[in-house]
N, C-alpha and C. Protein backbone atom coordinates (compact mmCIF):
# COMPACT_ATOMS: atom_id res chain seq x y z
N MET A 1 137.67 90.74 107.11
CA MET A 1 136.63 90.87 107.87
C MET A 1 136.27 91.96 108.77
N SER A 2 135.37 92.53 109.06
CA SER A 2 134.91 93.66 109.96
C SER A 2 135.27 93.25 111.31
N ASP A 3 135.68 94.43 112.26
CA ASP A 3 135.97 94.20 113.70
C ASP A 3 134.79 94.27 114.18
N LYS A 4 133.77 94.85 113.51
CA LYS A 4 132.53 94.93 114.38
C LYS A 4 131.63 93.63 114.69
N PRO A 5 131.13 93.94 116.06
CA PRO A 5 130.38 92.42 116.48
C PRO A 5 129.43 92.03 115.59
N VAL A 6 129.20 90.91 115.15
CA VAL A 6 128.16 90.30 114.67
C VAL A 6 126.76 90.82 114.99
N SER A 7 126.79 90.66 116.41
CA SER A 7 125.31 91.07 117.11
C SER A 7 124.85 92.48 117.05
N GLU A 8 126.10 93.36 116.36
CA GLU A 8 125.55 94.75 116.36
C GLU A 8 125.26 95.21 114.57
N MET A 9 125.54 94.23 113.83
CA MET A 9 125.47 94.55 112.38
C MET A 9 123.94 94.39 111.93
N SER A 10 123.59 95.27 111.21
CA SER A 10 122.44 95.27 110.19
C SER A 10 122.29 94.06 109.46
N PHE A 11 121.15 93.96 108.95
CA PHE A 11 121.06 92.70 107.80
C PHE A 11 121.93 93.04 106.79
N GLU A 12 122.10 94.17 106.23
CA GLU A 12 122.79 94.43 105.04
C GLU A 12 124.10 94.32 105.25
N ASP A 13 125.10 94.69 106.46
CA ASP A 13 126.03 94.65 106.70
C ASP A 13 126.48 93.17 106.85
N ALA A 14 125.66 92.23 107.57
CA ALA A 14 125.95 91.07 107.85
C ALA A 14 125.79 90.15 106.58
N MET A 15 125.17 90.39 105.50
CA MET A 15 124.80 89.73 104.46
C MET A 15 126.01 90.25 103.59
N ARG A 16 126.53 91.35 103.16
CA ARG A 16 127.80 91.98 102.59
C ARG A 16 128.84 91.01 103.18
N GLU A 17 129.22 91.15 104.43
CA GLU A 17 130.42 90.42 104.87
C GLU A 17 130.16 88.70 104.76
N LEU A 18 129.06 88.43 105.05
CA LEU A 18 128.88 86.90 104.69
C LEU A 18 129.23 86.33 103.32
N GLU A 19 128.90 87.27 102.18
CA GLU A 19 129.28 87.14 101.03
C GLU A 19 130.83 86.93 100.59
N THR A 20 131.41 87.77 101.43
CA THR A 20 132.68 87.97 101.32
C THR A 20 133.55 86.94 102.05
N VAL A 21 133.29 86.33 102.97
CA VAL A 21 133.61 85.17 103.63
C VAL A 21 133.17 84.10 102.48
N VAL A 22 132.03 83.68 102.27
CA VAL A 22 131.66 82.63 101.36
C VAL A 22 132.72 83.07 99.95
N GLY A 23 132.99 84.02 99.64
CA GLY A 23 134.02 83.85 98.36
C GLY A 23 135.38 83.59 98.62
N GLN A 24 135.61 84.05 99.73
CA GLN A 24 137.11 83.60 100.24
C GLN A 24 137.33 82.00 100.45
N LEU A 25 136.27 81.63 101.32
CA LEU A 25 136.34 80.10 101.40
C LEU A 25 135.93 79.24 100.08
N GLU A 26 135.32 79.98 99.05
CA GLU A 26 135.26 79.31 97.57
C GLU A 26 136.47 79.24 97.19
N ARG A 27 137.36 80.24 97.16
CA ARG A 27 138.14 80.30 96.18
C ARG A 27 139.62 79.25 96.72
N GLY A 28 139.45 79.06 98.36
CA GLY A 28 140.18 78.20 98.77
C GLY A 28 141.67 78.39 98.80
N ASP A 29 142.10 79.68 98.85
CA ASP A 29 143.35 79.69 98.75
C ASP A 29 143.67 80.45 100.20
N VAL A 30 143.01 79.97 101.20
CA VAL A 30 143.24 80.37 102.70
C VAL A 30 143.98 79.58 103.27
N ALA A 31 144.39 79.77 104.24
CA ALA A 31 145.18 78.84 105.05
C ALA A 31 144.31 77.99 106.07
N LEU A 32 144.25 77.05 106.45
CA LEU A 32 143.48 75.98 107.39
C LEU A 32 142.77 76.70 108.58
N GLU A 33 143.81 77.41 109.42
CA GLU A 33 143.37 78.06 110.62
C GLU A 33 142.65 79.39 110.19
N ASP A 34 142.74 79.92 109.05
CA ASP A 34 142.19 81.08 108.60
C ASP A 34 141.02 80.50 108.26
N SER A 35 140.88 79.50 107.31
CA SER A 35 139.49 79.21 106.69
C SER A 35 138.37 78.71 108.29
N ILE A 36 139.23 77.95 109.10
CA ILE A 36 138.25 77.72 110.32
C ILE A 36 137.54 78.89 110.86
N LYS A 37 138.46 80.08 111.07
CA LYS A 37 137.77 81.28 111.71
C LYS A 37 137.01 81.80 110.67
N LEU A 38 137.17 81.74 109.58
CA LEU A 38 136.22 82.57 108.50
C LEU A 38 135.05 81.66 108.40
N TYR A 39 134.91 80.20 108.63
CA TYR A 39 133.95 79.34 108.66
C TYR A 39 133.02 79.79 109.89
N GLU A 40 133.72 80.01 111.13
CA GLU A 40 132.93 80.43 112.42
C GLU A 40 132.36 81.79 112.12
N ARG A 41 132.97 82.72 111.76
CA ARG A 41 132.41 83.98 111.16
C ARG A 41 131.48 83.76 110.46
N GLY A 42 131.40 82.89 109.24
CA GLY A 42 130.30 83.16 108.71
C GLY A 42 129.07 82.66 109.21
N ALA A 43 128.99 81.37 110.01
CA ALA A 43 128.22 80.71 110.62
C ALA A 43 127.37 81.54 111.90
N GLU A 44 128.29 82.64 112.19
CA GLU A 44 127.48 83.93 113.21
C GLU A 44 126.98 84.94 112.17
N LEU A 45 127.49 85.06 111.11
CA LEU A 45 126.68 86.02 110.16
C LEU A 45 125.60 85.56 109.68
N LYS A 46 125.73 84.24 109.32
CA LYS A 46 124.51 83.62 108.74
C LYS A 46 123.20 83.81 109.71
N ALA A 47 123.74 83.15 111.16
CA ALA A 47 122.71 83.34 112.21
C ALA A 47 121.84 84.71 112.47
N ARG A 48 122.77 85.70 112.27
CA ARG A 48 122.45 87.25 112.32
C ARG A 48 121.60 87.57 111.54
N CYS A 49 121.85 87.19 110.07
CA CYS A 49 120.80 87.16 108.95
C CYS A 49 119.47 86.50 108.98
N GLU A 50 119.36 85.51 109.93
CA GLU A 50 118.52 84.64 109.74
C GLU A 50 117.40 85.60 110.90
N THR A 51 118.18 85.73 112.07
CA THR A 51 117.45 86.59 113.12
C THR A 51 116.64 87.75 112.59
N LYS A 52 117.78 88.72 111.89
CA LYS A 52 117.19 89.93 111.33
C LYS A 52 115.71 89.79 110.32
N LEU A 53 115.84 88.81 109.62
CA LEU A 53 114.98 88.22 108.64
C LEU A 53 113.42 88.01 109.46
N LYS A 54 113.63 87.32 110.54
CA LYS A 54 112.44 86.66 111.34
C LYS A 54 112.06 87.91 112.00
N GLU A 55 112.75 88.95 112.83
CA GLU A 55 112.21 90.10 113.11
C GLU A 55 111.49 90.79 112.01
N ALA A 56 112.04 90.83 110.75
CA ALA A 56 111.18 91.80 109.85
C ALA A 56 110.10 91.18 109.33
N GLU A 57 110.17 89.92 109.69
CA GLU A 57 108.99 89.21 109.01
C GLU A 57 107.58 88.98 109.95
N GLU A 58 108.29 89.15 111.33
CA GLU A 58 107.05 89.52 112.68
C GLU A 58 106.57 90.69 112.41
N LYS A 59 107.05 91.82 111.85
CA LYS A 59 106.83 92.77 111.97
C LYS A 59 105.68 93.42 110.61
N VAL A 60 105.84 92.46 109.61
CA VAL A 60 104.93 92.48 108.43
C VAL A 60 103.73 92.20 108.76
N ALA A 61 102.63 93.05 108.38
CA ALA A 61 101.16 93.05 108.83
C ALA A 61 100.35 92.62 107.36
N ALA A 62 99.10 91.73 107.39
CA ALA A 62 98.76 91.64 106.39
C ALA A 62 97.27 92.62 106.26
N ILE A 63 97.17 93.22 105.14
CA ILE A 63 95.61 94.43 104.81
C ILE A 63 94.64 93.25 104.97
N THR A 64 93.46 93.75 105.83
CA THR A 64 92.56 92.91 105.81
C THR A 64 91.47 93.94 105.09
N LEU A 65 90.50 93.45 104.38
CA LEU A 65 89.41 93.96 103.46
C LEU A 65 87.93 93.68 103.73
N ASP A 66 87.36 94.25 103.77
CA ASP A 66 85.94 93.92 103.65
C ASP A 66 85.30 93.29 102.58
N LYS A 67 83.83 93.03 102.60
CA LYS A 67 83.23 92.37 101.60
C LYS A 67 83.48 93.06 100.28
N SER A 68 83.35 94.34 100.12
CA SER A 68 83.52 95.10 99.06
C SER A 68 85.08 95.28 98.51
N GLY A 69 85.98 95.19 99.43
CA GLY A 69 87.52 94.88 98.82
C GLY A 69 88.09 96.24 99.49
N THR A 70 87.32 96.88 100.21
CA THR A 70 87.96 98.05 100.75
C THR A 70 88.64 97.72 102.08
N PRO A 71 89.83 98.34 102.17
CA PRO A 71 90.75 98.22 103.24
C PRO A 71 90.51 98.31 104.25
N THR A 72 90.30 97.34 105.44
CA THR A 72 89.73 97.94 107.24
C THR A 72 90.74 98.00 107.81
N GLY A 73 92.00 97.67 107.68
CA GLY A 73 93.02 97.55 108.88
C GLY A 73 94.10 96.51 108.46
N THR A 74 94.53 96.06 109.37
CA THR A 74 95.82 95.22 109.39
C THR A 74 95.76 94.06 110.35
N SER A 75 96.19 93.07 110.27
CA SER A 75 96.24 91.86 110.87
C SER A 75 97.65 91.06 111.02
N PRO A 76 98.10 90.38 112.04
CA PRO A 76 99.60 89.98 112.14
C PRO A 76 99.18 88.76 110.82
N VAL A 77 100.61 88.77 110.40
CA VAL A 77 100.75 87.65 109.38
C VAL A 77 100.48 86.23 109.91
N GLU A 78 99.92 85.45 109.01
CA GLU A 78 99.52 84.05 109.46
C GLU A 78 100.62 83.40 109.86
N GLY A 79 100.34 82.63 111.12
CA GLY A 79 101.39 81.88 111.54
C GLY A 79 102.34 82.98 112.65
N GLN A 80 102.06 84.18 112.76
CA GLN A 80 103.04 84.71 113.65
C GLN A 80 102.17 85.10 114.89
């Protein structure tokens, strides 16, 4: 596990560490106390990934077209 606080991780770093945590838990060769710590870290990492994805989703803009199909600008993604 990284010593870096989850709140400071990029999406990619959090996802990479989450994959490592899941792998360790799936193998089942970790002591109970360590499994609990891994599970808690994994929950934090999952939440961070969800937050970063939501932030990226909110930045995405749909291209608007006029009647002839020419791009006229952008608008927020539907539902955002």
